[in-house]
């Protein structure tokens, strides 16, 4: 790929799970501002969990520890 992964495996799983829950909440209660915010944040969490790359973590210089 063209990017270096900066999210460890356990965090990827957690991001994906929480993102999927937020998306499910948004689908079942769509129309309220809270549901829209949950949908957007859930989509971002799920995508960063799938790809293993977080742009905000890259901005602050986070890198995976290859030795661990």
N, C-alpha and C. Protein backbone atom coordinates (compact mmCIF):
# COMPACT_ATOMS: atom_id res chain seq x y z
N UNK A 1 0.82 -1.18 0.00
CA UNK A 1 0.00 0.00 0.00
C UNK A 1 0.87 1.25 0.00
N UNK A 2 0.24 2.39 -0.10
CA UNK A 2 0.95 3.66 -0.17
C UNK A 2 1.05 4.36 1.18
N UNK A 3 0.62 3.73 2.22
CA UNK A 3 0.67 4.33 3.54
C UNK A 3 1.18 3.30 4.54
N UNK A 4 1.76 3.78 5.63
CA UNK A 4 2.22 2.88 6.69
C UNK A 4 1.13 2.77 7.74
N UNK A 5 0.79 1.56 8.11
CA UNK A 5 -0.26 1.37 9.12
C UNK A 5 0.23 1.94 10.45
N UNK A 6 -0.65 2.65 11.12
CA UNK A 6 -0.28 3.25 12.40
C UNK A 6 -1.27 2.92 13.51
N UNK A 7 -2.10 1.91 13.29
CA UNK A 7 -3.07 1.47 14.30
C UNK A 7 -2.82 -0.01 14.57
N UNK A 8 -2.55 -0.38 15.85
CA UNK A 8 -2.30 -1.80 16.16
C UNK A 8 -3.56 -2.65 15.99
N UNK A 9 -3.36 -3.95 15.92
CA UNK A 9 -4.45 -4.89 15.65
C UNK A 9 -5.59 -4.84 16.64
N UNK A 10 -5.28 -4.76 17.94
CA UNK A 10 -6.36 -4.72 18.94
C UNK A 10 -7.17 -3.45 18.80
N UNK A 11 -6.51 -2.35 18.45
CA UNK A 11 -7.24 -1.09 18.29
C UNK A 11 -8.06 -1.08 17.00
N UNK A 12 -7.56 -1.75 15.98
CA UNK A 12 -8.32 -1.87 14.73
C UNK A 12 -9.63 -2.59 14.99
N UNK A 13 -9.57 -3.69 15.74
CA UNK A 13 -10.79 -4.45 16.06
C UNK A 13 -11.75 -3.61 16.89
N UNK A 14 -11.23 -2.88 17.86
CA UNK A 14 -12.08 -2.04 18.70
C UNK A 14 -12.71 -0.91 17.89
N UNK A 15 -11.93 -0.29 17.02
CA UNK A 15 -12.46 0.79 16.18
C UNK A 15 -13.58 0.27 15.27
N UNK A 16 -13.36 -0.89 14.68
CA UNK A 16 -14.36 -1.43 13.78
C UNK A 16 -15.64 -1.79 14.53
N UNK A 17 -15.50 -2.41 15.70
CA UNK A 17 -16.67 -2.81 16.48
C UNK A 17 -17.48 -1.59 16.95
N UNK A 18 -16.80 -0.60 17.47
CA UNK A 18 -17.49 0.60 17.95
C UNK A 18 -18.10 1.36 16.78
N UNK A 19 -17.38 1.41 15.65
CA UNK A 19 -17.92 2.07 14.46
C UNK A 19 -19.16 1.38 13.94
N UNK A 20 -19.16 0.05 13.95
CA UNK A 20 -20.35 -0.69 13.49
C UNK A 20 -21.53 -0.46 14.42
N UNK A 21 -21.29 -0.40 15.72
CA UNK A 21 -22.37 -0.11 16.68
C UNK A 21 -22.93 1.30 16.47
N UNK A 22 -22.04 2.26 16.23
CA UNK A 22 -22.50 3.63 16.00
C UNK A 22 -23.30 3.73 14.71
N UNK A 23 -22.86 3.01 13.67
CA UNK A 23 -23.62 3.01 12.42
C UNK A 23 -24.98 2.36 12.59
N UNK A 24 -25.05 1.28 13.36
CA UNK A 24 -26.33 0.63 13.61
C UNK A 24 -27.27 1.55 14.38
N UNK A 25 -26.74 2.26 15.36
CA UNK A 25 -27.56 3.24 16.09
C UNK A 25 -28.08 4.31 15.14
N UNK A 26 -27.22 4.78 14.26
CA UNK A 26 -27.62 5.84 13.32
C UNK A 26 -28.71 5.36 12.37
N UNK A 27 -28.61 4.12 11.93
CA UNK A 27 -29.61 3.59 10.99
C UNK A 27 -30.98 3.48 11.66
N UNK A 28 -30.99 3.03 12.92
CA UNK A 28 -32.26 2.79 13.58
C UNK A 28 -32.91 4.05 14.16
N UNK A 29 -32.15 5.13 14.27
CA UNK A 29 -32.76 6.37 14.79
C UNK A 29 -32.38 7.55 13.91
N UNK A 30 -32.42 7.35 12.61
CA UNK A 30 -32.01 8.40 11.67
C UNK A 30 -32.95 9.59 11.74
N UNK A 31 -32.40 10.77 11.57
CA UNK A 31 -33.20 11.98 11.55
C UNK A 31 -32.85 12.92 12.69
N UNK A 32 -32.38 12.40 13.80
CA UNK A 32 -31.99 13.26 14.91
C UNK A 32 -30.54 13.70 14.71
N UNK A 33 -30.16 14.84 15.24
CA UNK A 33 -28.77 15.29 15.10
C UNK A 33 -27.77 14.32 15.74
N UNK A 34 -28.17 13.68 16.83
CA UNK A 34 -27.28 12.70 17.47
C UNK A 34 -27.03 11.51 16.56
N UNK A 35 -28.06 11.06 15.86
CA UNK A 35 -27.91 9.92 14.95
C UNK A 35 -27.02 10.28 13.77
N UNK A 36 -27.13 11.48 13.26
CA UNK A 36 -26.28 11.90 12.15
C UNK A 36 -24.82 11.96 12.60
N UNK A 37 -24.58 12.52 13.78
CA UNK A 37 -23.22 12.59 14.31
C UNK A 37 -22.66 11.18 14.57
N UNK A 38 -23.50 10.30 15.08
CA UNK A 38 -23.06 8.92 15.32
C UNK A 38 -22.77 8.21 14.01
N UNK A 39 -23.55 8.48 12.99
CA UNK A 39 -23.31 7.86 11.68
C UNK A 39 -22.00 8.30 11.06
N UNK A 40 -21.72 9.58 11.14
CA UNK A 40 -20.48 10.10 10.56
C UNK A 40 -19.27 9.58 11.34
N UNK A 41 -19.32 9.68 12.65
CA UNK A 41 -18.19 9.21 13.45
C UNK A 41 -18.04 7.69 13.37
N UNK A 42 -19.14 6.97 13.28
CA UNK A 42 -19.08 5.51 13.14
C UNK A 42 -18.47 5.10 11.81
N UNK A 43 -18.77 5.84 10.75
CA UNK A 43 -18.19 5.54 9.45
C UNK A 43 -16.69 5.78 9.47
N UNK A 44 -16.27 6.87 10.09
CA UNK A 44 -14.82 7.16 10.17
C UNK A 44 -14.11 6.10 10.99
N UNK A 45 -14.69 5.72 12.11
CA UNK A 45 -14.07 4.68 12.95
C UNK A 45 -13.99 3.34 12.22
N UNK A 46 -15.05 2.96 11.54
CA UNK A 46 -15.05 1.69 10.83
C UNK A 46 -14.03 1.68 9.69
N UNK A 47 -13.90 2.78 8.97
CA UNK A 47 -12.95 2.85 7.86
C UNK A 47 -11.51 2.82 8.38
N UNK A 48 -11.22 3.57 9.45
CA UNK A 48 -9.86 3.52 9.99
C UNK A 48 -9.55 2.15 10.58
N UNK A 49 -10.56 1.49 11.11
CA UNK A 49 -10.35 0.13 11.62
C UNK A 49 -10.09 -0.86 10.50
N UNK A 50 -10.76 -0.71 9.38
CA UNK A 50 -10.55 -1.62 8.26
C UNK A 50 -9.18 -1.44 7.61
N UNK A 51 -8.78 -0.20 7.41
CA UNK A 51 -7.53 0.06 6.71
C UNK A 51 -6.30 0.06 7.62
N UNK A 52 -6.49 0.29 8.92
CA UNK A 52 -5.36 0.30 9.83
C UNK A 52 -4.55 1.58 9.77
N UNK A 53 -5.10 2.60 9.18
CA UNK A 53 -4.41 3.88 9.07
C UNK A 53 -5.35 4.98 9.55
N UNK A 54 -4.85 5.81 10.46
CA UNK A 54 -5.62 6.93 10.99
C UNK A 54 -4.89 8.22 10.64
N UNK A 55 -5.48 9.08 9.82
CA UNK A 55 -4.80 10.31 9.44
C UNK A 55 -4.48 11.22 10.63
N UNK A 56 -5.35 11.28 11.63
CA UNK A 56 -5.07 12.12 12.79
C UNK A 56 -3.90 11.58 13.61
N UNK A 57 -3.79 10.27 13.70
CA UNK A 57 -2.64 9.68 14.39
C UNK A 57 -1.36 9.95 13.62
N UNK A 58 -1.43 9.96 12.30
CA UNK A 58 -0.26 10.25 11.48
C UNK A 58 0.18 11.70 11.66
N UNK A 59 -0.78 12.60 11.85
CA UNK A 59 -0.44 14.02 12.03
C UNK A 59 0.38 14.25 13.29
N UNK A 60 0.10 13.47 14.34
CA UNK A 60 0.86 13.64 15.58
C UNK A 60 2.08 12.74 15.64
N UNK A 61 2.35 12.00 14.59
CA UNK A 61 3.57 11.20 14.48
C UNK A 61 3.49 9.81 15.07
N UNK A 62 2.32 9.26 15.21
CA UNK A 62 2.17 7.91 15.77
C UNK A 62 2.62 6.87 14.75
N UNK A 63 3.44 5.91 15.21
CA UNK A 63 3.90 4.81 14.37
C UNK A 63 3.77 3.52 15.15
N UNK A 64 3.61 2.42 14.42
CA UNK A 64 3.54 1.11 15.09
C UNK A 64 4.92 0.69 15.54
N UNK A 65 4.96 0.04 16.69
CA UNK A 65 6.21 -0.51 17.20
C UNK A 65 6.42 -1.87 16.54
N UNK A 66 7.36 -1.98 15.63
CA UNK A 66 7.56 -3.22 14.87
C UNK A 66 8.09 -4.37 15.74
N UNK A 67 8.71 -4.07 16.86
CA UNK A 67 9.28 -5.11 17.72
C UNK A 67 8.25 -5.82 18.57
N UNK A 68 7.11 -5.22 18.78
CA UNK A 68 6.12 -5.81 19.70
C UNK A 68 5.15 -6.72 18.98
